[in-house]
Amino acid sequence: MSGDILVTFDADGQHRVEDISKVIEPLQDKKADVVIGSRFLSEDISEVPEYRKFGIKIITKITNASIKENLTDSQSGFRAYSKKILSDITPIEKGMGVSTEILIKASTKGMKLW
């Protein structure tokens, strides 16, 4: 495929199609290489069960310590990736771990996370 941006989107109803423009804008403006659509920036996060919020926040803290960033939702499936990320990073992890692996590899390579 020849696109400049790849957007991933979980089909579980946690994200809105209308928000795609918000996650691709920093890539289009060359401010970021990866953009994560955080579930925790919204006023209403009542749809996320408390045990999941707790787990996501713990994993995000560990991820942030690994990449020296301050992300709010490192496990969100709503993401936008630049062509640079797609060509420079080849994940080896399978399953849910791939989302963290991409962030760590991108950070190690000095790419911008948003």
PDB file of N, CA and C in Angstrom:
ATOM      1  N   MET A   1       0.839  -1.185   0.000  1.00  0.00           N
ATOM      2  CA  MET A   1       0.000   0.000   0.000  1.00  0.00           C
ATOM      3  C   MET A   1       0.883   1.247   0.000  1.00  0.00           C
ATOM      4  N   SER A   2       0.375   2.291  -0.573  1.00  0.00           N
ATOM      5  CA  SER A   2       1.202   3.484  -0.740  1.00  0.00           C
ATOM      6  C   SER A   2       0.760   4.660   0.128  1.00  0.00           C
ATOM      7  N   GLY A   3      -0.053   4.439   1.132  1.00  0.00           N
ATOM      8  CA  GLY A   3      -0.518   5.532   1.982  1.00  0.00           C
ATOM      9  C   GLY A   3       0.598   6.091   2.848  1.00  0.00           C
ATOM     10  N   ASP A   4       0.427   7.319   3.289  1.00  0.00           N
ATOM     11  CA  ASP A   4       1.404   7.966   4.161  1.00  0.00           C
ATOM     12  C   ASP A   4       1.076   7.774   5.640  1.00  0.00           C
ATOM     13  N   ILE A   5      -0.177   7.403   5.951  1.00  0.00           N
ATOM     14  CA  ILE A   5      -0.619   7.234   7.332  1.00  0.00           C
ATOM     15  C   ILE A   5      -1.457   5.967   7.437  1.00  0.00           C
ATOM     16  N   LEU A   6      -1.221   5.208   8.498  1.00  0.00           N
ATOM     17  CA  LEU A   6      -2.039   4.041   8.809  1.00  0.00           C
ATOM     18  C   LEU A   6      -2.759   4.322  10.119  1.00  0.00           C
ATOM     19  N   VAL A   7      -4.080   4.151  10.134  1.00  0.00           N
ATOM     20  CA  VAL A   7      -4.867   4.314  11.351  1.00  0.00           C
ATOM     21  C   VAL A   7      -5.384   2.947  11.761  1.00  0.00           C
ATOM     22  N   THR A   8      -5.161   2.602  13.044  1.00  0.00           N
ATOM     23  CA  THR A   8      -5.742   1.379  13.592  1.00  0.00           C
ATOM     24  C   THR A   8      -6.880   1.789  14.512  1.00  0.00           C
ATOM     25  N   PHE A   9      -7.908   0.940  14.555  1.00  0.00           N
ATOM     26  CA  PHE A   9      -9.137   1.322  15.228  1.00  0.00           C
ATOM     27  C   PHE A   9      -9.796   0.063  15.769  1.00  0.00           C
ATOM     28  N   ASP A  10      -9.877  -0.073  17.090  1.00  0.00           N
ATOM     29  CA  ASP A  10     -10.565  -1.218  17.672  1.00  0.00           C
ATOM     30  C   ASP A  10     -12.056  -1.131  17.345  1.00  0.00           C
ATOM     31  N   ALA A  11     -12.666  -2.267  17.123  1.00  0.00           N
ATOM     32  CA  ALA A  11     -14.082  -2.301  16.753  1.00  0.00           C
ATOM     33  C   ALA A  11     -14.980  -2.573  17.957  1.00  0.00           C
ATOM     34  N   ASP A  12     -14.529  -2.184  19.142  1.00  0.00           N
ATOM     35  CA  ASP A  12     -15.307  -2.468  20.351  1.00  0.00           C
ATOM     36  C   ASP A  12     -16.140  -1.289  20.832  1.00  0.00           C
ATOM     37  N   GLY A  13     -16.231  -0.230  20.036  1.00  0.00           N
ATOM     38  CA  GLY A  13     -17.075   0.905  20.369  1.00  0.00           C
ATOM     39  C   GLY A  13     -16.456   1.927  21.302  1.00  0.00           C
ATOM     40  N   GLN A  14     -15.181   1.788  21.655  1.00  0.00           N
ATOM     41  CA  GLN A  14     -14.543   2.734  22.564  1.00  0.00           C
ATOM     42  C   GLN A  14     -14.085   4.007  21.870  1.00  0.00           C
ATOM     43  N   HIS A  15     -14.010   3.989  20.548  1.00  0.00           N
ATOM     44  CA  HIS A  15     -13.508   5.142  19.811  1.00  0.00           C
ATOM     45  C   HIS A  15     -14.528   5.563  18.760  1.00  0.00           C
ATOM     46  N   ARG A  16     -14.440   6.825  18.349  1.00  0.00           N
ATOM     47  CA  ARG A  16     -15.381   7.373  17.384  1.00  0.00           C
ATOM     48  C   ARG A  16     -14.689   7.629  16.044  1.00  0.00           C
ATOM     49  N   VAL A  17     -15.347   7.234  14.975  1.00  0.00           N
ATOM     50  CA  VAL A  17     -14.820   7.463  13.634  1.00  0.00           C
ATOM     51  C   VAL A  17     -14.561   8.956  13.427  1.00  0.00           C
ATOM     52  N   GLU A  18     -15.386   9.792  14.015  1.00  0.00           N
ATOM     53  CA  GLU A  18     -15.248  11.242  13.862  1.00  0.00           C
ATOM     54  C   GLU A  18     -13.917  11.763  14.410  1.00  0.00           C
ATOM     55  N   ASP A  19     -13.255  10.989  15.261  1.00  0.00           N
ATOM     56  CA  ASP A  19     -11.995  11.423  15.865  1.00  0.00           C
ATOM     57  C   ASP A  19     -10.757  11.077  15.036  1.00  0.00           C
ATOM     58  N   ILE A  20     -10.938  10.406  13.921  1.00  0.00           N
ATOM     59  CA  ILE A  20      -9.787  10.044  13.087  1.00  0.00           C
ATOM     60  C   ILE A  20      -9.005  11.292  12.678  1.00  0.00           C
ATOM     61  N   SER A  21      -9.697  12.351  12.335  1.00  0.00           N
ATOM     62  CA  SER A  21      -8.996  13.579  11.921  1.00  0.00           C
ATOM     63  C   SER A  21      -8.105  14.114  13.045  1.00  0.00           C
ATOM     64  N   LYS A  22      -8.488  13.907  14.302  1.00  0.00           N
ATOM     65  CA  LYS A  22      -7.687  14.376  15.442  1.00  0.00           C
ATOM     66  C   LYS A  22      -6.382  13.591  15.587  1.00  0.00           C
ATOM     67  N   VAL A  23      -6.414  12.288  15.286  1.00  0.00           N
ATOM     68  CA  VAL A  23      -5.183  11.501  15.443  1.00  0.00           C
ATOM     69  C   VAL A  23      -4.252  11.612  14.246  1.00  0.00           C
ATOM     70  N   ILE A  24      -4.776  11.981  13.087  1.00  0.00           N
ATOM     71  CA  ILE A  24      -3.874  12.109  11.934  1.00  0.00           C
ATOM     72  C   ILE A  24      -3.288  13.515  11.799  1.00  0.00           C
ATOM     73  N   GLU A  25      -3.923  14.496  12.416  1.00  0.00           N
ATOM     74  CA  GLU A  25      -3.450  15.880  12.285  1.00  0.00           C
ATOM     75  C   GLU A  25      -1.987  16.070  12.718  1.00  0.00           C
ATOM     76  N   PRO A  26      -1.551  15.559  13.893  1.00  0.00           N
ATOM     77  CA  PRO A  26      -0.134  15.732  14.265  1.00  0.00           C
ATOM     78  C   PRO A  26       0.833  15.072  13.281  1.00  0.00           C
ATOM     79  N   LEU A  27       0.400  14.000  12.618  1.00  0.00           N
ATOM     80  CA  LEU A  27       1.249  13.359  11.605  1.00  0.00           C
ATOM     81  C   LEU A  27       1.325  14.245  10.365  1.00  0.00           C
ATOM     82  N   GLN A  28       0.199  14.780   9.956  1.00  0.00           N
ATOM     83  CA  GLN A  28       0.169  15.646   8.775  1.00  0.00           C
ATOM     84  C   GLN A  28       0.993  16.911   9.001  1.00  0.00           C
ATOM     85  N   ASP A  29       1.001  17.399  10.240  1.00  0.00           N
ATOM     86  CA  ASP A  29       1.755  18.611  10.581  1.00  0.00           C
ATOM     87  C   ASP A  29       3.221  18.308  10.931  1.00  0.00           C
ATOM     88  N   LYS A  30       3.629  17.032  10.797  1.00  0.00           N
ATOM     89  CA  LYS A  30       5.005  16.592  11.087  1.00  0.00           C
ATOM     90  C   LYS A  30       5.409  16.829  12.547  1.00  0.00           C
ATOM     91  N   LYS A  31       4.432  16.807  13.453  1.00  0.00           N
ATOM     92  CA  LYS A  31       4.705  16.966  14.878  1.00  0.00           C
ATOM     93  C   LYS A  31       4.908  15.625  15.573  1.00  0.00           C
ATOM     94  N   ALA A  32       4.527  14.538  14.908  1.00  0.00           N
ATOM     95  CA  ALA A  32       4.605  13.216  15.530  1.00  0.00           C
ATOM     96  C   ALA A  32       4.799  12.145  14.471  1.00  0.00           C
ATOM     97  N   ASP A  33       5.295  10.989  14.944  1.00  0.00           N
ATOM     98  CA  ASP A  33       5.425   9.800  14.097  1.00  0.00           C
ATOM     99  C   ASP A  33       4.387   8.743  14.471  1.00  0.00           C
ATOM    100  N   VAL A  34       3.955   8.769  15.733  1.00  0.00           N
ATOM    101  CA  VAL A  34       2.892   7.892  16.226  1.00  0.00           C
ATOM    102  C   VAL A  34       1.962   8.749  17.077  1.00  0.00           C
ATOM    103  N   VAL A  35       0.662   8.603  16.864  1.00  0.00           N
ATOM    104  CA  VAL A  35      -0.327   9.305  17.685  1.00  0.00           C
ATOM    105  C   VAL A  35      -1.260   8.262  18.289  1.00  0.00           C
ATOM    106  N   ILE A  36      -1.470   8.370  19.596  1.00  0.00           N
ATOM    107  CA  ILE A  36      -2.340   7.430  20.303  1.00  0.00           C
ATOM    108  C   ILE A  36      -3.604   8.160  20.736  1.00  0.00           C
ATOM    109  N   GLY A  37      -4.750   7.633  20.348  1.00  0.00           N
ATOM    110  CA  GLY A  37      -6.036   8.197  20.752  1.00  0.00           C
ATOM    111  C   GLY A  37      -6.390   7.705  22.144  1.00  0.00           C
ATOM    112  N   SER A  38      -6.087   8.504  23.141  1.00  0.00           N
ATOM    113  CA  SER A  38      -6.281   8.105  24.535  1.00  0.00           C
ATOM    114  C   SER A  38      -7.748   8.074  24.938  1.00  0.00           C
ATOM    115  N   ARG A  39      -8.116   7.016  25.660  1.00  0.00           N
ATOM    116  CA  ARG A  39      -9.462   6.905  26.221  1.00  0.00           C
ATOM    117  C   ARG A  39      -9.592   7.717  27.498  1.00  0.00           C
ATOM    118  N   PHE A  40      -8.483   8.220  28.025  1.00  0.00           N
ATOM    119  CA  PHE A  40      -8.503   8.889  29.321  1.00  0.00           C
ATOM    120  C   PHE A  40      -8.452  10.411  29.219  1.00  0.00           C
ATOM    121  N   LEU A  41      -8.555  10.954  28.029  1.00  0.00           N
ATOM    122  CA  LEU A  41      -8.594  12.408  27.871  1.00  0.00           C
ATOM    123  C   LEU A  41     -10.032  12.920  27.845  1.00  0.00           C
ATOM    124  N   SER A  42     -10.981  12.033  27.662  1.00  0.00           N
ATOM    125  CA  SER A  42     -12.387  12.388  27.610  1.00  0.00           C
ATOM    126  C   SER A  42     -12.945  12.574  29.019  1.00  0.00           C
ATOM    127  N   GLU A  43     -13.951  13.409  29.123  1.00  0.00           N
ATOM    128  CA  GLU A  43     -14.630  13.609  30.406  1.00  0.00           C
ATOM    129  C   GLU A  43     -15.365  12.340  30.825  1.00  0.00           C
ATOM    130  N   ASP A  44     -15.941  11.633  29.863  1.00  0.00           N
ATOM    131  CA  ASP A  44     -16.749  10.453  30.167  1.00  0.00           C
ATOM    132  C   ASP A  44     -16.019   9.180  29.769  1.00  0.00           C
ATOM    133  N   ILE A  45     -15.417   8.532  30.735  1.00  0.00           N
ATOM    134  CA  ILE A  45     -14.749   7.249  30.474  1.00  0.00           C
ATOM    135  C   ILE A  45     -15.463   6.141  31.242  1.00  0.00           C
ATOM    136  N   SER A  46     -16.746   6.355  31.516  1.00  0.00           N
ATOM    137  CA  SER A  46     -17.517   5.403  32.313  1.00  0.00           C
ATOM    138  C   SER A  46     -17.690   4.058  31.612  1.00  0.00           C
ATOM    139  N   GLU A  47     -17.503   4.015  30.292  1.00  0.00           N
ATOM    140  CA  GLU A  47     -17.666   2.764  29.559  1.00  0.00           C
ATOM    141  C   GLU A  47     -16.515   1.787  29.797  1.00  0.00           C
ATOM    142  N   VAL A  48     -15.403   2.273  30.312  1.00  0.00           N
ATOM    143  CA  VAL A  48     -14.258   1.408  30.595  1.00  0.00           C
ATOM    144  C   VAL A  48     -14.400   0.902  32.036  1.00  0.00           C
ATOM    145  N   PRO A  49     -14.492  -0.432  32.222  1.00  0.00           N
ATOM    146  CA  PRO A  49     -14.626  -0.974  33.578  1.00  0.00           C
ATOM    147  C   PRO A  49     -13.433  -0.586  34.463  1.00  0.00           C
ATOM    148  N   GLU A  50     -13.697  -0.409  35.751  1.00  0.00           N
ATOM    149  CA  GLU A  50     -12.672   0.039  36.700  1.00  0.00           C
ATOM    150  C   GLU A  50     -11.434  -0.860  36.697  1.00  0.00           C
ATOM    151  N   TYR A  51     -11.602  -2.181  36.650  1.00  0.00           N
ATOM    152  CA  TYR A  51     -10.447  -3.082  36.665  1.00  0.00           C
ATOM    153  C   TYR A  51      -9.581  -2.887  35.427  1.00  0.00           C
ATOM    154  N   ARG A  52     -10.213  -2.577  34.282  1.00  0.00           N
ATOM    155  CA  ARG A  52      -9.445  -2.316  33.056  1.00  0.00           C
ATOM    156  C   ARG A  52      -8.719  -0.989  33.140  1.00  0.00           C
ATOM    157  N   LYS A  53      -9.379   0.039  33.679  1.00  0.00           N
ATOM    158  CA  LYS A  53      -8.726   1.341  33.859  1.00  0.00           C
ATOM    159  C   LYS A  53      -7.470   1.174  34.713  1.00  0.00           C
ATOM    160  N   PHE A  54      -7.600   0.416  35.799  1.00  0.00           N
ATOM    161  CA  PHE A  54      -6.468   0.191  36.695  1.00  0.00           C
ATOM    162  C   PHE A  54      -5.320  -0.503  35.957  1.00  0.00           C
ATOM    163  N   GLY A  55      -5.628  -1.587  35.243  1.00  0.00           N
ATOM    164  CA  GLY A  55      -4.604  -2.330  34.504  1.00  0.00           C
ATOM    165  C   GLY A  55      -3.938  -1.499  33.425  1.00  0.00           C
ATOM    166  N   ILE A  56      -4.732  -0.738  32.675  1.00  0.00           N
ATOM    167  CA  ILE A  56      -4.193   0.106  31.612  1.00  0.00           C
ATOM    168  C   ILE A  56      -3.270   1.164  32.196  1.00  0.00           C
ATOM    169  N   LYS A  57      -3.666   1.749  33.315  1.00  0.00           N
ATOM    170  CA  LYS A  57      -2.842   2.791  33.936  1.00  0.00           C
ATOM    171  C   LYS A  57      -1.516   2.219  34.441  1.00  0.00           C
ATOM    172  N   ILE A  58      -1.518   1.006  34.981  1.00  0.00           N
ATOM    173  CA  ILE A  58      -0.275   0.368  35.444  1.00  0.00           C
ATOM    174  C   ILE A  58       0.642   0.087  34.250  1.00  0.00           C
ATOM    175  N   ILE A  59       0.094  -0.519  33.198  1.00  0.00           N
ATOM    176  CA  ILE A  59       0.906  -0.819  32.007  1.00  0.00           C
ATOM    177  C   ILE A  59       1.439   0.475  31.391  1.00  0.00           C
ATOM    178  N   THR A  60       0.627   1.528  31.375  1.00  0.00           N
ATOM    179  CA  THR A  60       1.060   2.810  30.825  1.00  0.00           C
ATOM    180  C   THR A  60       2.201   3.400  31.646  1.00  0.00           C
ATOM    181  N   LYS A  61       2.133   3.303  32.977  1.00  0.00           N
ATOM    182  CA  LYS A  61       3.228   3.804  33.823  1.00  0.00           C
ATOM    183  C   LYS A  61       4.522   3.059  33.528  1.00  0.00           C
ATOM    184  N   ILE A  62       4.439   1.750  33.373  1.00  0.00           N
ATOM    185  CA  ILE A  62       5.627   0.943  33.072  1.00  0.00           C
ATOM    186  C   ILE A  62       6.165   1.307  31.687  1.00  0.00           C
ATOM    187  N   THR A  63       5.275   1.454  30.722  1.00  0.00           N
ATOM    188  CA  THR A  63       5.685   1.839  29.369  1.00  0.00           C
ATOM    189  C   THR A  63       6.334   3.214  29.386  1.00  0.00           C
ATOM    190  N   ASN A  64       5.723   4.170  30.090  1.00  0.00           N
ATOM    191  CA  ASN A  64       6.286   5.515  30.166  1.00  0.00           C
ATOM    192  C   ASN A  64       7.681   5.512  30.773  1.00  0.00           C
ATOM    193  N   ALA A  65       7.896   4.666  31.773  1.00  0.00           N
ATOM    194  CA  ALA A  65       9.232   4.567  32.380  1.00  0.00           C
ATOM    195  C   ALA A  65      10.240   4.016  31.373  1.00  0.00           C
ATOM    196  N   SER A  66       9.787   3.128  30.491  1.00  0.00           N
ATOM    197  CA  SER A  66      10.672   2.530  29.486  1.00  0.00           C
ATOM    198  C   SER A  66      11.014   3.490  28.361  1.00  0.00           C
ATOM    199  N   ILE A  67      10.094   4.404  28.053  1.00  0.00           N
ATOM    200  CA  ILE A  67      10.296   5.285  26.905  1.00  0.00           C
ATOM    201  C   ILE A  67      10.527   6.739  27.302  1.00  0.00           C
ATOM    202  N   LYS A  68      10.483   7.016  28.598  1.00  0.00           N
ATOM    203  CA  LYS A  68      10.687   8.381  29.111  1.00  0.00           C
ATOM    204  C   LYS A  68       9.700   9.362  28.495  1.00  0.00           C
ATOM    205  N   GLU A  69       8.437   8.977  28.473  1.00  0.00           N
ATOM    206  CA  GLU A  69       7.350   9.812  27.952  1.00  0.00           C
ATOM    207  C   GLU A  69       6.272   9.932  29.013  1.00  0.00           C
ATOM    208  N   ASN A  70       5.230  10.683  28.716  1.00  0.00           N
ATOM    209  CA  ASN A  70       4.111  10.822  29.632  1.00  0.00           C
ATOM    210  C   ASN A  70       2.804  10.566  28.878  1.00  0.00           C
ATOM    211  N   LEU A  71       2.666   9.361  28.358  1.00  0.00           N
ATOM    212  CA  LEU A  71       1.446   8.980  27.653  1.00  0.00           C
ATOM    213  C   LEU A  71       0.340   8.731  28.673  1.00  0.00           C
ATOM    214  N   THR A  72      -0.915   8.860  28.235  1.00  0.00           N
ATOM    215  CA  THR A  72      -2.028   8.600  29.143  1.00  0.00           C
ATOM    216  C   THR A  72      -2.710   7.257  28.893  1.00  0.00           C
ATOM    217  N   ASP A  73      -2.455   6.647  27.728  1.00  0.00           N
ATOM    218  CA  ASP A  73      -3.130   5.383  27.388  1.00  0.00           C
ATOM    219  C   ASP A  73      -2.289   4.601  26.378  1.00  0.00           C
ATOM    220  N   SER A  74      -1.238   3.993  26.861  1.00  0.00           N
ATOM    221  CA  SER A  74      -0.309   3.299  25.952  1.00  0.00           C
ATOM    222  C   SER A  74      -0.913   2.057  25.305  1.00  0.00           C
ATOM    223  N   GLN A  75      -2.059   1.605  25.787  1.00  0.00           N
ATOM    224  CA  GLN A  75      -2.663   0.381  25.262  1.00  0.00           C
ATOM    225  C   GLN A  75      -3.834   0.627  24.320  1.00  0.00           C
ATOM    226  N   SER A  76      -4.087   1.879  23.989  1.00  0.00           N
ATOM    227  CA  SER A  76      -5.197   2.195  23.103  1.00  0.00           C
ATOM    228  C   SER A  76      -4.975   1.593  21.721  1.00  0.00           C
ATOM    229  N   GLY A  77      -6.014   1.026  21.159  1.00  0.00           N
ATOM    230  CA  GLY A  77      -5.949   0.479  19.805  1.00  0.00           C
ATOM    231  C   GLY A  77      -6.238   1.518  18.738  1.00  0.00           C
ATOM    232  N   PHE A  78      -6.578   2.733  19.153  1.00  0.00           N
ATOM    233  CA  PHE A  78      -6.857   3.820  18.224  1.00  0.00           C
ATOM    234  C   PHE A  78      -5.575   4.620  18.050  1.00  0.00           C
ATOM    235  N   ARG A  79      -4.886   4.350  16.936  1.00  0.00           N
ATOM    236  CA  ARG A  79      -3.576   4.951  16.703  1.00  0.00           C
ATOM    237  C   ARG A  79      -3.425   5.355  15.255  1.00  0.00           C
ATOM    238  N   ALA A  80      -2.507   6.287  15.053  1.00  0.00           N
ATOM    239  CA  ALA A  80      -2.114   6.659  13.695  1.00  0.00           C
ATOM    240  C   ALA A  80      -0.597   6.546  13.612  1.00  0.00           C
ATOM    241  N   TYR A  81      -0.120   5.923  12.557  1.00  0.00           N
ATOM    242  CA  TYR A  81       1.309   5.704  12.346  1.00  0.00           C
ATOM    243  C   TYR A  81       1.750   6.393  11.060  1.00  0.00           C
ATOM    244  N   SER A  82       2.902   7.025  11.110  1.00  0.00           N
ATOM    245  CA  SER A  82       3.466   7.630   9.899  1.00  0.00           C
ATOM    246  C   SER A  82       4.113   6.546   9.039  1.00  0.00           C
ATOM    247  N   LYS A  83       4.353   6.880   7.801  1.00  0.00           N
ATOM    248  CA  LYS A  83       5.038   5.964   6.890  1.00  0.00           C
ATOM    249  C   LYS A  83       6.432   5.624   7.422  1.00  0.00           C
ATOM    250  N   LYS A  84       7.069   6.602   8.087  1.00  0.00           N
ATOM    251  CA  LYS A  84       8.399   6.397   8.664  1.00  0.00           C
ATOM    252  C   LYS A  84       8.377   5.255   9.682  1.00  0.00           C
ATOM    253  N   ILE A  85       7.394   5.239  10.554  1.00  0.00           N
ATOM    254  CA  ILE A  85       7.257   4.165  11.549  1.00  0.00           C
ATOM    255  C   ILE A  85       7.085   2.825  10.848  1.00  0.00           C
ATOM    256  N   LEU A  86       6.194   2.813   9.867  1.00  0.00           N
ATOM    257  CA  LEU A  86       5.880   1.562   9.179  1.00  0.00           C
ATOM    258  C   LEU A  86       7.071   0.994   8.420  1.00  0.00           C
ATOM    259  N   SER A  87       7.951   1.860   7.945  1.00  0.00           N
ATOM    260  CA  SER A  87       9.106   1.365   7.193  1.00  0.00           C
ATOM    261  C   SER A  87      10.312   1.086   8.089  1.00  0.00           C
ATOM    262  N   ASP A  88      10.413   1.763   9.249  1.00  0.00           N
ATOM    263  CA  ASP A  88      11.597   1.625  10.109  1.00  0.00           C
ATOM    264  C   ASP A  88      11.447   0.624  11.259  1.00  0.00           C
ATOM    265  N   ILE A  89      10.232   0.243  11.589  1.00  0.00           N
ATOM    266  CA  ILE A  89      10.024  -0.634  12.745  1.00  0.00           C
ATOM    267  C   ILE A  89       9.305  -1.904  12.311  1.00  0.00           C
ATOM    268  N   THR A  90       9.917  -3.032  12.624  1.00  0.00           N
ATOM    269  CA  THR A  90       9.310  -4.331  12.360  1.00  0.00           C
ATOM    270  C   THR A  90       9.126  -5.037  13.697  1.00  0.00           C
ATOM    271  N   PRO A  91       7.900  -5.077  14.210  1.00  0.00           N
ATOM    272  CA  PRO A  91       7.689  -5.742  15.503  1.00  0.00           C
ATOM    273  C   PRO A  91       7.888  -7.249  15.402  1.00  0.00           C
ATOM    274  N   ILE A  92       8.350  -7.835  16.489  1.00  0.00           N
ATOM    275  CA  ILE A  92       8.491  -9.291  16.538  1.00  0.00           C
ATOM    276  C   ILE A  92       7.459  -9.897  17.487  1.00  0.00           C
ATOM    277  N   GLU A  93       6.915  -9.069  18.358  1.00  0.00           N
ATOM    278  CA  GLU A  93       5.907  -9.507  19.323  1.00  0.00           C
ATOM    279  C   GLU A  93       4.606  -9.817  18.593  1.00  0.00           C
ATOM    280  N   LYS A  94       3.840 -10.734  19.158  1.00  0.00           N
ATOM    281  CA  LYS A  94       2.522 -11.044  18.613  1.00  0.00           C
ATOM    282  C   LYS A  94       1.496 -10.747  19.704  1.00  0.00           C
ATOM    283  N   GLY A  95       0.298 -10.444  19.319  1.00  0.00           N
ATOM    284  CA  GLY A  95      -0.749 -10.181  20.292  1.00  0.00           C
ATOM    285  C   GLY A  95      -0.665  -8.775  20.853  1.00  0.00           C
ATOM    286  N   MET A  96      -1.150  -8.620  22.080  1.00  0.00           N
ATOM    287  CA  MET A  96      -1.272  -7.302  22.701  1.00  0.00           C
ATOM    288  C   MET A  96       0.080  -6.623  22.949  1.00  0.00           C
ATOM    289  N   GLY A  97       1.146  -7.377  23.080  1.00  0.00           N
ATOM    290  CA  GLY A  97       2.460  -6.811  23.357  1.00  0.00           C
ATOM    291  C   GLY A  97       3.027  -5.963  22.235  1.00  0.00           C
ATOM    292  N   VAL A  98       2.488  -6.125  21.036  1.00  0.00           N
ATOM    293  CA  VAL A  98       3.018  -5.384  19.892  1.00  0.00           C
ATOM    294  C   VAL A  98       2.824  -3.880  20.065  1.00  0.00           C
ATOM    295  N   SER A  99       1.748  -3.459  20.718  1.00  0.00           N
ATOM    296  CA  SER A  99       1.514  -2.025  20.876  1.00  0.00           C
ATOM    297  C   SER A  99       2.607  -1.371  21.722  1.00  0.00           C
ATOM    298  N   THR A 100       3.037  -2.047  22.774  1.00  0.00           N
ATOM    299  CA  THR A 100       4.117  -1.526  23.614  1.00  0.00           C
ATOM    300  C   THR A 100       5.456  -1.626  22.894  1.00  0.00           C
ATOM    301  N   GLU A 101       5.678  -2.722  22.198  1.00  0.00           N
ATOM    302  CA  GLU A 101       6.942  -2.902  21.471  1.00  0.00           C
ATOM    303  C   GLU A 101       7.156  -1.779  20.452  1.00  0.00           C
ATOM    304  N   ILE A 102       6.126  -1.421  19.723  1.00  0.00           N
ATOM    305  CA  ILE A 102       6.248  -0.346  18.732  1.00  0.00           C
ATOM    306  C   ILE A 102       6.623   0.968  19.411  1.00  0.00           C
ATOM    307  N   LEU A 103       6.004   1.263  20.550  1.00  0.00           N
ATOM    308  CA  LEU A 103       6.317   2.505  21.265  1.00  0.00           C
ATOM    309  C   LEU A 103       7.758   2.527  21.745  1.00  0.00           C
ATOM    310  N   ILE A 104       8.210   1.413  22.303  1.00  0.00           N
ATOM    311  CA  ILE A 104       9.585   1.343  22.810  1.00  0.00           C
ATOM    312  C   ILE A 104      10.586   1.482  21.661  1.00  0.00           C
ATOM    313  N   LYS A 105      10.360   0.780  20.566  1.00  0.00           N
ATOM    314  CA  LYS A 105      11.276   0.866  19.424  1.00  0.00           C
ATOM    315  C   LYS A 105      11.261   2.261  18.802  1.00  0.00           C
ATOM    316  N   ALA A 106      10.088   2.868  18.707  1.00  0.00           N
ATOM    317  CA  ALA A 106       9.996   4.217  18.155  1.00  0.00           C
ATOM    318  C   ALA A 106      10.742   5.211  19.035  1.00  0.00           C
ATOM    319  N   SER A 107      10.576   5.086  20.340  1.00  0.00           N
ATOM    320  CA  SER A 107      11.264   5.986  21.274  1.00  0.00           C
ATOM    321  C   SER A 107      12.774   5.806  21.192  1.00  0.00           C
ATOM    322  N   THR A 108      13.226   4.564  21.121  1.00  0.00           N
ATOM    323  CA  THR A 108      14.655   4.259  21.027  1.00  0.00           C
ATOM    324  C   THR A 108      15.268   4.884  19.772  1.00  0.00           C
ATOM    325  N   LYS A 109      14.476   4.931  18.693  1.00  0.00           N
ATOM    326  CA  LYS A 109      14.959   5.509  17.442  1.00  0.00           C
ATOM    327  C   LYS A 109      14.780   7.036  17.378  1.00  0.00           C
ATOM    328  N   GLY A 110      14.297   7.632  18.472  1.00  0.00           N
ATOM    329  CA  GLY A 110      14.139   9.067  18.517  1.00  0.00           C
ATOM    330  C   GLY A 110      12.918   9.590  17.773  1.00  0.00           C
ATOM    331  N   MET A 111      11.963   8.717  17.520  1.00  0.00           N
ATOM    332  CA  MET A 111      10.749   9.139  16.838  1.00  0.00           C
ATOM    333  C   MET A 111       9.811   9.813  17.830  1.00  0.00           C
ATOM    334  N   LYS A 112       8.934  10.675  17.325  1.00  0.00           N
ATOM    335  CA  LYS A 112       8.059  11.462  18.181  1.00  0.00           C
ATOM    336  C   LYS A 112       6.747  10.749  18.452  1.00  0.00           C
ATOM    337  N   LEU A 113       6.436  10.608  19.735  1.00  0.00           N
ATOM    338  CA  LEU A 113       5.180   9.990  20.163  1.00  0.00           C
ATOM    339  C   LEU A 113       4.250  11.091  20.649  1.00  0.00           C
ATOM    340  N   TRP A 114       2.970  10.933  20.350  1.00  0.00           N
ATOM    341  CA  TRP A 114       1.986  11.954  20.714  1.00  0.00           C
ATOM    342  C   TRP A 114       0.801  11.280  21.349  1.00  0.00           C
TER     343      TRP A 114
END
